C-alpha atoms as a PDB file:
ATOM      1  CA  MET A   1     -39.436   0.100 -25.064  1.00  0.00           C
ATOM      2  CA  LYS A   2     -38.300   3.195 -23.554  1.00  0.00           C
ATOM      3  CA  ALA A   3     -40.349   2.342 -20.624  1.00  0.00           C
ATOM      4  CA  GLN A   4     -38.701  -0.804 -20.245  1.00  0.00           C
ATOM      5  CA  ILE A   5     -35.077   0.269 -20.584  1.00  0.00           C
ATOM      6  CA  GLN A   6     -36.053   2.589 -17.807  1.00  0.00           C
ATOM      7  CA  ALA A   7     -37.633   0.071 -15.567  1.00  0.00           C
ATOM      8  CA  ASN A   8     -34.485  -2.015 -16.004  1.00  0.00           C
ATOM      9  CA  TYR A   9     -32.135   0.492 -15.314  1.00  0.00           C
ATOM     10  CA  GLU A  10     -33.886   1.460 -12.195  1.00  0.00           C
ATOM     11  CA  GLU A  11     -34.192  -2.092 -10.677  1.00  0.00           C
ATOM     12  CA  ARG A  12     -30.733  -2.529 -11.246  1.00  0.00           C
ATOM     13  CA  LEU A  13     -29.769   0.598  -9.884  1.00  0.00           C
ATOM     14  CA  SER A  14     -31.923  -0.457  -6.817  1.00  0.00           C
ATOM     15  CA  ARG A  15     -29.640  -3.625  -6.153  1.00  0.00           C
ATOM     16  CA  TYR A  16     -26.362  -1.756  -6.454  1.00  0.00           C
ATOM     17  CA  VAL A  17     -27.696   0.452  -3.728  1.00  0.00           C
ATOM     18  CA  THR A  18     -28.789  -2.323  -1.661  1.00  0.00           C
ATOM     19  CA  LEU A  19     -25.077  -3.831  -2.009  1.00  0.00           C
ATOM     20  CA  ILE A  20     -23.355  -0.925  -1.006  1.00  0.00           C
ATOM     21  CA  GLN A  21     -25.551   0.803   1.583  1.00  0.00           C
ATOM     22  CA  GLY A  22     -27.138  -2.528   2.980  1.00  0.00           C
ATOM     23  CA  THR A  23     -26.722  -3.640   6.261  1.00  0.00           C
ATOM     24  CA  GLU A  24     -28.273  -7.314   6.475  1.00  0.00           C
ATOM     25  CA  PRO A  25     -25.906  -8.572   5.171  1.00  0.00           C
ATOM     26  CA  PRO A  26     -23.649  -5.159   5.282  1.00  0.00           C
ATOM     27  CA  GLY A  27     -22.864  -4.088   2.025  1.00  0.00           C
ATOM     28  CA  LEU A  28     -19.663  -2.074   0.863  1.00  0.00           C
ATOM     29  CA  VAL A  29     -19.960   1.390   2.844  1.00  0.00           C
ATOM     30  CA  PRO A  30     -20.032  -0.558   6.276  1.00  0.00           C
ATOM     31  CA  LYS A  31     -17.202  -2.916   5.243  1.00  0.00           C
ATOM     32  CA  LEU A  32     -15.280   0.002   4.236  1.00  0.00           C
ATOM     33  CA  ALA A  33     -16.180   1.904   7.305  1.00  0.00           C
ATOM     34  CA  VAL A  34     -14.873  -0.977   9.587  1.00  0.00           C
ATOM     35  CA  TYR A  35     -11.781  -1.476   7.502  1.00  0.00           C
ATOM     36  CA  ARG A  36     -11.017   2.026   7.697  1.00  0.00           C
ATOM     37  CA  GLU A  37     -11.234   2.553  11.123  1.00  0.00           C
ATOM     38  CA  LEU A  38      -9.557  -0.679  12.095  1.00  0.00           C
ATOM     39  CA  LEU A  39      -6.610   0.704  10.048  1.00  0.00           C
ATOM     40  CA  ARG A  40      -6.917   4.277  11.844  1.00  0.00           C
ATOM     41  CA  GLN A  41      -6.873   2.584  15.185  1.00  0.00           C
ATOM     42  CA  HIS A  42      -3.707   0.710  14.282  1.00  0.00           C
ATOM     43  CA  GLY A  43      -2.176   3.760  12.840  1.00  0.00           C
ATOM     44  CA  MET A  44      -2.796   5.560  16.270  1.00  0.00           C
ATOM     45  CA  HIS A  45      -1.722   2.665  18.583  1.00  0.00           C
ATOM     46  CA  GLY A  46       0.581   0.927  16.603  1.00  0.00           C
ATOM     47  CA  ASP A  47       1.265  -3.016  17.325  1.00  0.00           C
ATOM     48  CA  ARG A  48       0.040  -1.829  21.004  1.00  0.00           C
ATOM     49  CA  LEU A  49      -3.412  -2.522  19.572  1.00  0.00           C
ATOM     50  CA  TRP A  50      -2.747  -6.048  19.899  1.00  0.00           C
ATOM     51  CA  LYS A  51      -2.166  -5.783  23.579  1.00  0.00           C
ATOM     52  CA  ILE A  52      -5.451  -4.223  23.788  1.00  0.00           C
ATOM     53  CA  GLU A  53      -7.173  -7.233  22.035  1.00  0.00           C
ATOM     54  CA  PRO A  54      -4.944  -9.830  20.151  1.00  0.00           C
ATOM     55  CA  VAL A  55      -7.998 -10.696  18.228  1.00  0.00           C
ATOM     56  CA  LEU A  56      -7.952  -7.426  16.756  1.00  0.00           C
ATOM     57  CA  HIS A  57      -5.040  -8.636  14.655  1.00  0.00           C
ATOM     58  CA  PRO A  58      -6.554 -11.137  12.599  1.00  0.00           C
ATOM     59  CA  LEU A  59      -9.987  -9.311  12.569  1.00  0.00           C
ATOM     60  CA  ILE A  60      -8.004  -6.609  10.536  1.00  0.00           C
ATOM     61  CA  TYR A  61      -7.102  -9.288   7.893  1.00  0.00           C
ATOM     62  CA  SER A  62     -10.817 -10.591   7.837  1.00  0.00           C
ATOM     63  CA  ALA A  63     -12.002  -7.281   7.248  1.00  0.00           C
ATOM     64  CA  GLU A  64      -9.592  -6.504   4.460  1.00  0.00           C
ATOM     65  CA  THR A  65     -10.425  -9.691   2.903  1.00  0.00           C
ATOM     66  CA  ASP A  66     -14.118  -9.503   3.103  1.00  0.00           C
ATOM     67  CA  LEU A  67     -14.028  -5.815   1.790  1.00  0.00           C
ATOM     68  CA  HIS A  68     -11.773  -7.285  -1.398  1.00  0.00           C
ATOM     69  CA  LEU A  69     -14.241 -10.045  -2.031  1.00  0.00           C
ATOM     70  CA  ALA A  70     -17.185  -7.740  -1.788  1.00  0.00           C
ATOM     71  CA  THR A  71     -15.296  -5.128  -4.278  1.00  0.00           C
ATOM     72  CA  ALA A  72     -14.429  -7.994  -6.651  1.00  0.00           C
ATOM     73  CA  ARG A  73     -18.149  -9.094  -7.037  1.00  0.00           C
ATOM     74  CA  LEU A  74     -19.242  -5.523  -8.230  1.00  0.00           C
ATOM     75  CA  LEU A  75     -15.899  -5.430 -10.608  1.00  0.00           C
ATOM     76  CA  GLU A  76     -16.238  -8.951 -12.669  1.00  0.00           C
ATOM     77  CA  ASP A  77     -15.522  -9.115 -16.116  1.00  0.00           C
ATOM     78  CA  PRO A  78     -18.819  -8.282 -17.810  1.00  0.00           C
ATOM     79  CA  ARG A  79     -18.688 -11.075 -20.214  1.00  0.00           C
ATOM     80  CA  ARG A  80     -18.858 -13.452 -16.988  1.00  0.00           C
ATOM     81  CA  ALA A  81     -20.995 -11.543 -14.804  1.00  0.00           C
ATOM     82  CA  GLU A  82     -24.437  -9.373 -15.450  1.00  0.00           C
ATOM     83  CA  GLY A  83     -24.052  -7.835 -12.033  1.00  0.00           C
ATOM     84  CA  SER A  84     -20.580  -6.666 -12.609  1.00  0.00           C
ATOM     85  CA  LEU A  85     -20.670  -2.496 -12.659  1.00  0.00           C
ATOM     86  CA  PHE A  86     -18.882  -2.441 -15.748  1.00  0.00           C
ATOM     87  CA  ALA A  87     -21.935  -4.217 -17.354  1.00  0.00           C
ATOM     88  CA  PHE A  88     -24.261  -1.667 -16.035  1.00  0.00           C
ATOM     89  CA  LEU A  89     -22.093   1.203 -17.231  1.00  0.00           C
ATOM     90  CA  ASP A  90     -22.142  -0.553 -20.567  1.00  0.00           C
ATOM     91  CA  PHE A  91     -25.914  -0.745 -20.491  1.00  0.00           C
ATOM     92  CA  CYS A  92     -26.237   2.581 -19.685  1.00  0.00           C
ATOM     93  CA  ILE A  93     -24.028   4.090 -22.271  1.00  0.00           C
ATOM     94  CA  LYS A  94     -25.702   1.759 -25.083  1.00  0.00           C
ATOM     95  CA  ASN A  95     -29.192   2.786 -23.877  1.00  0.00           C
ATOM     96  CA  GLN A  96     -28.115   6.675 -22.771  1.00  0.00           C
ATOM     97  CA  ALA A  97     -31.295   8.133 -25.166  1.00  0.00           C
ATOM     98  CA  ASN A  98     -33.495   5.789 -23.476  1.00  0.00           C
ATOM     99  CA  ILE A  99     -32.815   6.603 -19.756  1.00  0.00           C
ATOM    100  CA  THR A 100     -34.159   9.759 -17.816  1.00  0.00           C
ATOM    101  CA  TRP A 101     -32.531  11.303 -14.619  1.00  0.00           C
ATOM    102  CA  LYS A 102     -34.316  14.102 -12.807  1.00  0.00           C
ATOM    103  CA  SER A 103     -32.466  16.479 -15.588  1.00  0.00           C
ATOM    104  CA  GLY A 104     -33.240  14.686 -18.596  1.00  0.00           C
ATOM    105  CA  PRO A 105     -31.228  11.721 -20.367  1.00  0.00           C
ATOM    106  CA  PRO A 106     -27.466  11.013 -18.928  1.00  0.00           C
ATOM    107  CA  SER A 107     -24.676  12.819 -20.381  1.00  0.00           C
ATOM    108  CA  VAL A 108     -22.476  10.036 -22.219  1.00  0.00           C
ATOM    109  CA  ASP A 109     -19.316  12.502 -20.841  1.00  0.00           C
ATOM    110  CA  VAL A 110     -20.632  11.770 -17.182  1.00  0.00           C
ATOM    111  CA  LEU A 111     -20.981   7.734 -18.087  1.00  0.00           C
ATOM    112  CA  ASP A 112     -17.653   7.836 -19.823  1.00  0.00           C
ATOM    113  CA  LYS A 113     -15.950   9.652 -16.973  1.00  0.00           C
ATOM    114  CA  GLN A 114     -17.392   7.096 -14.451  1.00  0.00           C
ATOM    115  CA  LEU A 115     -16.011   4.152 -16.424  1.00  0.00           C
ATOM    116  CA  ASN A 116     -12.800   5.764 -16.896  1.00  0.00           C
ATOM    117  CA  GLU A 117     -12.508   6.185 -12.822  1.00  0.00           C
ATOM    118  CA  LEU A 118     -12.717   2.502 -12.733  1.00  0.00           C
ATOM    119  CA  GLU A 119     -10.447   1.772 -15.592  1.00  0.00           C
ATOM    120  CA  SER A 120      -7.721   3.896 -13.915  1.00  0.00           C
ATOM    121  CA  ARG A 121      -7.476   1.686 -11.092  1.00  0.00           C
ATOM    122  CA  ARG A 122      -7.067  -1.264 -13.061  1.00  0.00           C
ATOM    123  CA  ASN A 123      -3.964  -2.789 -11.627  1.00  0.00           C
ATOM    124  CA  THR A 124      -5.628  -2.544  -7.935  1.00  0.00           C
ATOM    125  CA  ILE A 125      -8.810  -4.482  -9.613  1.00  0.00           C
ATOM    126  CA  ASN A 126      -6.409  -6.928 -11.071  1.00  0.00           C
ATOM    127  CA  ALA A 127      -4.559  -7.439  -7.616  1.00  0.00           C
ATOM    128  CA  ILE A 128      -7.685  -7.956  -5.606  1.00  0.00           C
ATOM    129  CA  MET A 129      -8.913 -10.299  -8.504  1.00  0.00           C
ATOM    130  CA  GLY A 130      -5.660 -12.371  -8.358  1.00  0.00           C
ATOM    131  CA  ARG A 131      -5.978 -12.725  -4.662  1.00  0.00           C
ATOM    132  CA  ARG A 132      -9.498 -13.775  -4.771  1.00  0.00           C
ATOM    133  CA  ASP A 133      -9.275 -16.320  -7.838  1.00  0.00           C
ATOM    134  CA  LYS A 134      -6.025 -17.976  -6.738  1.00  0.00           C
ATOM    135  CA  PHE A 135      -6.120 -18.024  -2.942  1.00  0.00           C
ATOM    136  CA  PHE A 136      -9.260 -16.840  -1.113  1.00  0.00           C
ATOM    137  CA  ALA A 137     -12.101 -18.341  -4.026  1.00  0.00           C
ATOM    138  CA  HIS A 138     -10.042 -21.318  -5.011  1.00  0.00           C
ATOM    139  CA  LEU A 139      -6.524 -22.442  -3.485  1.00  0.00           C
ATOM    140  CA  ASP A 140      -4.104 -22.493  -6.432  1.00  0.00           C
ATOM    141  CA  LYS A 141      -1.484 -25.195  -6.009  1.00  0.00           C
ATOM    142  CA  ARG A 142       1.353 -22.691  -5.540  1.00  0.00           C
ATOM    143  CA  TYR A 143      -0.687 -20.783  -2.806  1.00  0.00           C
ATOM    144  CA  PHE A 144      -1.097 -24.199  -0.868  1.00  0.00           C
ATOM    145  CA  LYS A 145       2.785 -24.528  -0.667  1.00  0.00           C
ATOM    146  CA  GLU A 146       3.626 -20.859   0.194  1.00  0.00           C
ATOM    147  CA  PRO A 147       0.313 -19.194   1.198  1.00  0.00           C
ATOM    148  CA  ALA A 148       2.056 -15.665   2.237  1.00  0.00           C
ATOM    149  CA  ARG A 149       3.268 -15.723  -1.290  1.00  0.00           C
ATOM    150  CA  ILE A 150       0.029 -14.331  -2.799  1.00  0.00           C
ATOM    151  CA  TYR A 151       0.697 -10.834  -1.129  1.00  0.00           C
ATOM    152  CA  LEU A 152       3.913 -10.802  -3.016  1.00  0.00           C
ATOM    153  CA  ASP A 153       2.563 -12.027  -6.416  1.00  0.00           C
ATOM    154  CA  TYR A 154      -0.509  -9.553  -6.013  1.00  0.00           C
ATOM    155  CA  PRO A 155       0.499  -6.695  -3.830  1.00  0.00           C
ATOM    156  CA  LEU A 156      -1.930  -4.069  -2.691  1.00  0.00           C
ATOM    157  CA  ASP A 157      -1.910  -0.995  -1.048  1.00  0.00           C
ATOM    158  CA  ALA A 158      -4.553   0.019   1.510  1.00  0.00           C
ATOM    159  CA  ASP A 159      -4.882   3.560   0.308  1.00  0.00           C
ATOM    160  CA  ASP A 160      -5.525   2.203  -3.252  1.00  0.00           C
ATOM    161  CA  VAL A 161      -8.048  -0.319  -2.100  1.00  0.00           C
ATOM    162  CA  ILE A 162     -10.071   2.416  -0.297  1.00  0.00           C
ATOM    163  CA  ALA A 163      -9.837   4.695  -3.128  1.00  0.00           C
ATOM    164  CA  LEU A 164     -11.175   1.887  -5.621  1.00  0.00           C
ATOM    165  CA  VAL A 165     -14.055   1.260  -3.294  1.00  0.00           C
ATOM    166  CA  ASN A 166     -14.933   4.689  -2.971  1.00  0.00           C
ATOM    167  CA  ALA A 167     -14.792   4.876  -6.480  1.00  0.00           C
ATOM    168  CA  VAL A 168     -17.271   2.360  -6.959  1.00  0.00           C
ATOM    169  CA  ILE A 169     -19.523   3.704  -4.168  1.00  0.00           C
ATOM    170  CA  GLY A 170     -19.244   7.050  -6.108  1.00  0.00           C
ATOM    171  CA  VAL A 171     -20.524   5.687  -9.483  1.00  0.00           C
ATOM    172  CA  ILE A 172     -23.392   4.156  -7.796  1.00  0.00           C
ATOM    173  CA  SER A 173     -24.518   7.169  -5.717  1.00  0.00           C
ATOM    174  CA  GLU A 174     -23.886   9.479  -8.450  1.00  0.00           C
ATOM    175  CA  HIS A 175     -26.660   7.355 -10.349  1.00  0.00           C
ATOM    176  CA  GLN A 176     -28.963   7.279  -7.452  1.00  0.00           C
ATOM    177  CA  TRP A 177     -28.437  11.081  -6.864  1.00  0.00           C
ATOM    178  CA  LYS A 178     -29.068  12.074 -10.470  1.00  0.00           C
ATOM    179  CA  LEU A 179     -32.257   9.735 -10.620  1.00  0.00           C
ATOM    180  CA  LYS A 180     -33.772  10.699  -7.424  1.00  0.00           C
ATOM    181  CA  GLY A 181     -32.338  14.093  -6.754  1.00  0.00           C
ATOM    182  CA  GLY A 182     -31.085  12.449  -3.290  1.00  0.00           C
ATOM    183  CA  ALA A 183     -29.199   9.527  -2.015  1.00  0.00           C
ATOM    184  CA  ALA A 184     -29.380   7.067   0.663  1.00  0.00           C
ATOM    185  CA  ILE A 185     -28.311   8.368   3.818  1.00  0.00           C
ATOM    186  CA  SER A 186     -24.892   6.786   4.832  1.00  0.00           C
ATOM    187  CA  VAL A 187     -24.383   4.234   7.248  1.00  0.00           C
ATOM    188  CA  ALA A 188     -20.463   4.752   7.536  1.00  0.00           C
ATOM    189  CA  GLU A 189     -20.390   6.819  10.368  1.00  0.00           C
ATOM    190  CA  PHE A 190     -22.546   4.368  12.599  1.00  0.00           C
ATOM    191  CA  TYR A 191     -19.980   1.702  11.996  1.00  0.00           C
ATOM    192  CA  THR A 192     -16.851   4.184  12.540  1.00  0.00           C
ATOM    193  CA  ILE A 193     -18.057   5.335  15.710  1.00  0.00           C
ATOM    194  CA  GLY A 194     -18.930   1.603  16.477  1.00  0.00           C
ATOM    195  CA  VAL A 195     -15.523   0.320  15.884  1.00  0.00           C
ATOM    196  CA  ASP A 196     -13.919   3.278  17.835  1.00  0.00           C
ATOM    197  CA  ASN A 197     -16.459   2.399  20.782  1.00  0.00           C
ATOM    198  CA  MET A 198     -15.202  -1.229  20.640  1.00  0.00           C
ATOM    199  CA  VAL A 199     -11.654  -0.399  20.993  1.00  0.00           C
ATOM    200  CA  ARG A 200     -12.094   2.146  23.707  1.00  0.00           C
ATOM    201  CA  ASN A 201     -14.194  -0.255  25.562  1.00  0.00           C
ATOM    202  CA  LEU A 202     -11.883  -3.116  25.195  1.00  0.00           C
ATOM    203  CA  GLU A 203      -8.724  -0.667  26.209  1.00  0.00           C
ATOM    204  CA  THR A 204     -10.568   0.103  29.449  1.00  0.00           C
ATOM    205  CA  GLY A 205     -11.525  -3.408  30.001  1.00  0.00           C
ATOM    206  CA  ARG A 206      -7.827  -4.701  29.553  1.00  0.00           C
ATOM    207  CA  ARG A 207      -6.693  -1.974  32.083  1.00  0.00           C
ATOM    208  CA  MET A 208      -9.155  -2.980  34.570  1.00  0.00           C
ATOM    209  CA  ASN A 209      -8.940  -6.788  34.415  1.00  0.00           C
ATOM    210  CA  PHE A 210      -5.059  -7.016  33.752  1.00  0.00           C
ATOM    211  CA  PRO A 211      -3.452  -4.033  35.573  1.00  0.00           C
ATOM    212  CA  GLY A 212      -0.035  -3.129  34.124  1.00  0.00           C
ATOM    213  CA  GLN A 213      -0.276  -4.950  30.649  1.00  0.00           C
ATOM    214  CA  LEU A 214      -0.521  -1.834  28.498  1.00  0.00           C
ATOM    215  CA  ASP A 215       2.023  -0.252  30.225  1.00  0.00           C
END
């Protein structure tokens, strides 16, 4: 019984690690890194960024939507999705005595803290789910008529989304660390540098090919 629960726990955890750290397809960590760096570039350049490359404007929205959808997939109502991180934490709490970390059974206090960290961001979760369910995954009649209204009815602050995604990544990383005594090497910096280099190269190319456009 104990060995079966431990194997189940480790298998589920390995799937979550792939979903956050994977590169093909990109997981939550690379998606977040790309989104954050695009926002940083916009913060540095302002709307001048669209002069460097107009396609960067819809690209930021695409990166944002992609991040929202990937996060929503991990935070489904546990009654609807076995892969929900809430379902995983519930499994851990119920089977705490039969799961072993490097230091022994996981502390219920640690598991409760992880659950509470996610629940404390429930408003952000609800807004992401609302956008997904009413517009991105299924087009509600109301938003078919007024697409832009989805942003008013389900407002989201970028910093709140980033904090939520970091909380999700933190929960999974903590389990991996406590189970194995280490965590997967983060790929975030690679993607951050990649976006920064992309914008620099686009700016250089714009100056060379279209002199005066950025002045």
